[in-house]
Amino acid sequence: MTDERDQGSQETQVWPVQVRWDLGGPSVWTQELLWRCDALRAGRLYERSVFASREEAEAFVAKMHQMEPDQMFNVEAIQASAVWN
């Protein structure tokens, strides 16, 4: 009996995707805008983070660029209602 993995089977590889919520204290939950930061690697979503302010999101991007320069980041404003009701 042979193992398909040993024969080089063509398996679809999926990038691990995580969602990180950095929304501060309860007073932040009343805001109408949140900031979503998508980390892309090889054109695919690798990690998604949500922040309470643009400054927090941009600080996160700056820190990540130092640690993982091969990732691309996209920061955009989203309606809080798109995240929860």
N, C-alpha and C. Protein backbone atom coordinates (compact mmCIF):
# COMPACT_ATOMS: atom_id res chain seq x y z
N MET A 1 0.86 -1.17 0.00
CA MET A 1 0.00 0.00 0.00
C MET A 1 0.90 1.23 0.00
N THR A 2 0.56 2.22 -0.81
CA THR A 2 1.38 3.43 -0.88
C THR A 2 0.62 4.61 -0.32
N ASP A 3 1.34 5.58 0.13
CA ASP A 3 0.76 6.80 0.67
C ASP A 3 0.78 7.86 -0.42
N GLU A 4 -0.38 8.47 -0.71
CA GLU A 4 -0.46 9.47 -1.77
C GLU A 4 0.46 10.65 -1.54
N ARG A 5 0.67 10.99 -0.27
CA ARG A 5 1.54 12.13 0.04
C ARG A 5 2.96 11.86 -0.41
N ASP A 6 3.38 10.62 -0.34
CA ASP A 6 4.73 10.27 -0.77
C ASP A 6 4.88 10.34 -2.28
N GLN A 7 3.80 10.24 -3.02
CA GLN A 7 3.85 10.27 -4.47
C GLN A 7 3.69 11.67 -5.03
N GLY A 8 3.72 12.69 -4.17
CA GLY A 8 3.65 14.07 -4.64
C GLY A 8 2.28 14.46 -5.13
N SER A 9 1.24 14.07 -4.44
CA SER A 9 -0.12 14.40 -4.87
C SER A 9 -0.29 15.92 -4.91
N GLN A 10 -1.13 16.38 -5.77
CA GLN A 10 -1.39 17.81 -5.95
C GLN A 10 -2.48 18.25 -5.00
N GLU A 11 -2.09 18.75 -3.82
CA GLU A 11 -3.06 19.24 -2.86
C GLU A 11 -3.12 20.75 -2.94
N THR A 12 -4.28 21.30 -2.78
CA THR A 12 -4.44 22.74 -2.78
C THR A 12 -3.97 23.29 -1.44
N GLN A 13 -3.06 24.22 -1.48
CA GLN A 13 -2.55 24.84 -0.27
C GLN A 13 -3.36 26.10 0.02
N VAL A 14 -3.77 26.26 1.25
CA VAL A 14 -4.55 27.42 1.67
C VAL A 14 -3.73 28.19 2.69
N TRP A 15 -3.63 29.51 2.50
CA TRP A 15 -2.91 30.34 3.45
C TRP A 15 -3.70 30.41 4.75
N PRO A 16 -3.02 30.37 5.87
CA PRO A 16 -3.75 30.53 7.15
C PRO A 16 -4.26 31.96 7.29
N VAL A 17 -5.51 32.10 7.65
CA VAL A 17 -6.10 33.43 7.80
C VAL A 17 -6.51 33.60 9.25
N GLN A 18 -6.13 34.73 9.81
CA GLN A 18 -6.48 35.05 11.18
C GLN A 18 -7.20 36.38 11.19
N VAL A 19 -8.04 36.58 12.16
CA VAL A 19 -8.67 37.87 12.37
C VAL A 19 -8.29 38.33 13.77
N ARG A 20 -7.71 39.52 13.84
CA ARG A 20 -7.29 40.08 15.12
C ARG A 20 -8.17 41.28 15.41
N TRP A 21 -8.73 41.33 16.61
CA TRP A 21 -9.59 42.43 17.04
C TRP A 21 -8.85 43.24 18.09
N ASP A 22 -8.48 44.47 17.75
CA ASP A 22 -7.83 45.36 18.70
C ASP A 22 -8.70 46.60 18.82
N LEU A 23 -9.74 46.51 19.62
CA LEU A 23 -10.75 47.56 19.65
C LEU A 23 -10.76 48.37 20.94
N GLY A 24 -9.78 48.22 21.78
CA GLY A 24 -9.71 49.04 22.98
C GLY A 24 -10.82 48.72 23.96
N GLY A 25 -11.17 49.75 24.76
CA GLY A 25 -12.19 49.59 25.79
C GLY A 25 -13.60 49.69 25.25
N PRO A 26 -14.60 49.55 26.13
CA PRO A 26 -16.01 49.56 25.72
C PRO A 26 -16.45 50.87 25.07
N SER A 27 -15.82 52.01 25.39
CA SER A 27 -16.23 53.28 24.79
C SER A 27 -16.00 53.30 23.28
N VAL A 28 -15.08 52.49 22.80
CA VAL A 28 -14.78 52.43 21.37
C VAL A 28 -15.92 51.77 20.61
N TRP A 29 -16.67 50.91 21.27
CA TRP A 29 -17.71 50.13 20.59
C TRP A 29 -18.84 50.99 20.06
N THR A 30 -18.93 52.24 20.46
CA THR A 30 -19.99 53.11 19.99
C THR A 30 -19.62 53.84 18.71
N GLN A 31 -18.38 53.69 18.24
CA GLN A 31 -17.96 54.36 17.02
C GLN A 31 -18.64 53.74 15.81
N GLU A 32 -18.85 54.58 14.79
CA GLU A 32 -19.46 54.08 13.57
C GLU A 32 -18.43 53.58 12.57
N LEU A 33 -17.17 54.04 12.70
CA LEU A 33 -16.12 53.61 11.79
C LEU A 33 -15.08 52.79 12.53
N LEU A 34 -14.65 51.72 11.89
CA LEU A 34 -13.52 50.92 12.34
C LEU A 34 -12.52 50.88 11.20
N TRP A 35 -11.31 50.45 11.49
CA TRP A 35 -10.27 50.40 10.48
C TRP A 35 -9.81 48.96 10.32
N ARG A 36 -9.95 48.47 9.09
CA ARG A 36 -9.58 47.09 8.77
C ARG A 36 -8.22 47.10 8.09
N CYS A 37 -7.35 46.24 8.54
CA CYS A 37 -6.02 46.11 7.95
C CYS A 37 -5.88 44.69 7.42
N ASP A 38 -5.76 44.54 6.12
CA ASP A 38 -5.57 43.23 5.51
C ASP A 38 -4.11 43.05 5.15
N ALA A 39 -3.53 41.95 5.60
CA ALA A 39 -2.16 41.59 5.25
C ALA A 39 -2.25 40.58 4.11
N LEU A 40 -1.57 40.88 3.01
CA LEU A 40 -1.59 40.03 1.84
C LEU A 40 -0.21 39.47 1.58
N ARG A 41 -0.16 38.22 1.22
CA ARG A 41 1.10 37.60 0.84
C ARG A 41 0.82 36.78 -0.41
N ALA A 42 1.60 37.01 -1.44
CA ALA A 42 1.42 36.33 -2.72
C ALA A 42 0.01 36.55 -3.27
N GLY A 43 -0.54 37.74 -3.03
CA GLY A 43 -1.84 38.09 -3.56
C GLY A 43 -3.02 37.48 -2.83
N ARG A 44 -2.76 36.81 -1.72
CA ARG A 44 -3.84 36.18 -0.96
C ARG A 44 -3.92 36.78 0.44
N LEU A 45 -5.14 36.81 0.96
CA LEU A 45 -5.35 37.30 2.32
C LEU A 45 -4.65 36.38 3.30
N TYR A 46 -3.76 36.95 4.10
CA TYR A 46 -3.01 36.17 5.08
C TYR A 46 -3.53 36.42 6.49
N GLU A 47 -3.85 37.69 6.78
CA GLU A 47 -4.33 38.05 8.11
C GLU A 47 -5.20 39.29 8.01
N ARG A 48 -6.24 39.34 8.80
CA ARG A 48 -7.12 40.52 8.84
C ARG A 48 -7.20 40.99 10.28
N SER A 49 -6.95 42.28 10.48
CA SER A 49 -7.00 42.89 11.80
C SER A 49 -7.98 44.05 11.76
N VAL A 50 -8.64 44.30 12.87
CA VAL A 50 -9.59 45.41 12.97
C VAL A 50 -9.15 46.30 14.14
N PHE A 51 -9.08 47.62 13.88
CA PHE A 51 -8.62 48.58 14.87
C PHE A 51 -9.65 49.66 15.09
N ALA A 52 -9.56 50.31 16.23
CA ALA A 52 -10.51 51.37 16.58
C ALA A 52 -10.15 52.70 15.91
N SER A 53 -8.88 52.91 15.56
CA SER A 53 -8.49 54.18 14.94
C SER A 53 -7.50 53.93 13.81
N ARG A 54 -7.42 54.91 12.93
CA ARG A 54 -6.49 54.80 11.80
C ARG A 54 -5.05 54.81 12.28
N GLU A 55 -4.77 55.59 13.32
CA GLU A 55 -3.42 55.67 13.85
C GLU A 55 -2.94 54.31 14.36
N GLU A 56 -3.83 53.59 15.04
CA GLU A 56 -3.48 52.25 15.52
C GLU A 56 -3.20 51.31 14.36
N ALA A 57 -4.02 51.37 13.34
CA ALA A 57 -3.83 50.51 12.17
C ALA A 57 -2.52 50.82 11.47
N GLU A 58 -2.21 52.10 11.29
CA GLU A 58 -0.97 52.47 10.61
C GLU A 58 0.26 52.14 11.44
N ALA A 59 0.16 52.25 12.76
CA ALA A 59 1.27 51.86 13.63
C ALA A 59 1.51 50.35 13.52
N PHE A 60 0.43 49.59 13.43
CA PHE A 60 0.54 48.14 13.25
C PHE A 60 1.23 47.80 11.94
N VAL A 61 0.84 48.51 10.87
CA VAL A 61 1.44 48.28 9.55
C VAL A 61 2.93 48.60 9.59
N ALA A 62 3.30 49.72 10.20
CA ALA A 62 4.71 50.11 10.28
C ALA A 62 5.53 49.05 11.03
N LYS A 63 4.98 48.54 12.11
CA LYS A 63 5.66 47.52 12.89
C LYS A 63 5.81 46.22 12.09
N MET A 64 4.74 45.84 11.38
CA MET A 64 4.78 44.60 10.60
C MET A 64 5.72 44.70 9.41
N HIS A 65 5.83 45.88 8.80
CA HIS A 65 6.76 46.06 7.68
C HIS A 65 8.19 45.79 8.11
N GLN A 66 8.52 46.12 9.34
CA GLN A 66 9.87 45.86 9.84
C GLN A 66 10.11 44.37 10.05
N MET A 67 9.09 43.67 10.51
CA MET A 67 9.24 42.24 10.82
C MET A 67 9.06 41.35 9.58
N GLU A 68 8.13 41.72 8.71
CA GLU A 68 7.84 40.90 7.53
C GLU A 68 7.71 41.79 6.29
N PRO A 69 8.84 42.19 5.71
CA PRO A 69 8.80 43.12 4.57
C PRO A 69 8.19 42.56 3.30
N ASP A 70 7.96 41.25 3.23
CA ASP A 70 7.39 40.66 2.01
C ASP A 70 5.87 40.72 1.97
N GLN A 71 5.24 41.23 3.02
CA GLN A 71 3.78 41.34 3.04
C GLN A 71 3.34 42.71 2.54
N MET A 72 2.19 42.72 1.90
CA MET A 72 1.55 43.96 1.48
C MET A 72 0.39 44.21 2.44
N PHE A 73 0.12 45.49 2.73
CA PHE A 73 -0.94 45.82 3.67
C PHE A 73 -1.90 46.80 3.04
N ASN A 74 -3.17 46.63 3.37
CA ASN A 74 -4.22 47.51 2.90
C ASN A 74 -5.03 47.95 4.12
N VAL A 75 -5.06 49.27 4.38
CA VAL A 75 -5.82 49.81 5.50
C VAL A 75 -7.02 50.56 4.94
N GLU A 76 -8.20 50.24 5.43
CA GLU A 76 -9.40 50.93 4.95
C GLU A 76 -10.42 51.08 6.07
N ALA A 77 -11.23 52.12 5.96
CA ALA A 77 -12.30 52.37 6.91
C ALA A 77 -13.50 51.50 6.55
N ILE A 78 -14.14 50.93 7.57
CA ILE A 78 -15.34 50.14 7.36
C ILE A 78 -16.40 50.57 8.37
N GLN A 79 -17.64 50.35 8.04
CA GLN A 79 -18.74 50.64 8.97
C GLN A 79 -18.75 49.58 10.05
N ALA A 80 -18.93 50.01 11.29
CA ALA A 80 -18.99 49.06 12.40
C ALA A 80 -20.14 48.08 12.21
N SER A 81 -21.21 48.52 11.58
CA SER A 81 -22.35 47.63 11.35
C SER A 81 -22.00 46.47 10.43
N ALA A 82 -20.92 46.59 9.65
CA ALA A 82 -20.49 45.49 8.80
C ALA A 82 -19.82 44.39 9.62
N VAL A 83 -19.40 44.73 10.85
CA VAL A 83 -18.72 43.77 11.70
C VAL A 83 -19.70 43.11 12.65
N TRP A 84 -20.55 43.92 13.26
CA TRP A 84 -21.57 43.39 14.16
C TRP A 84 -22.79 44.30 14.13
N ASN A 85 -23.92 43.80 14.60
CA ASN A 85 -25.15 44.58 14.58
C ASN A 85 -25.33 45.31 15.88
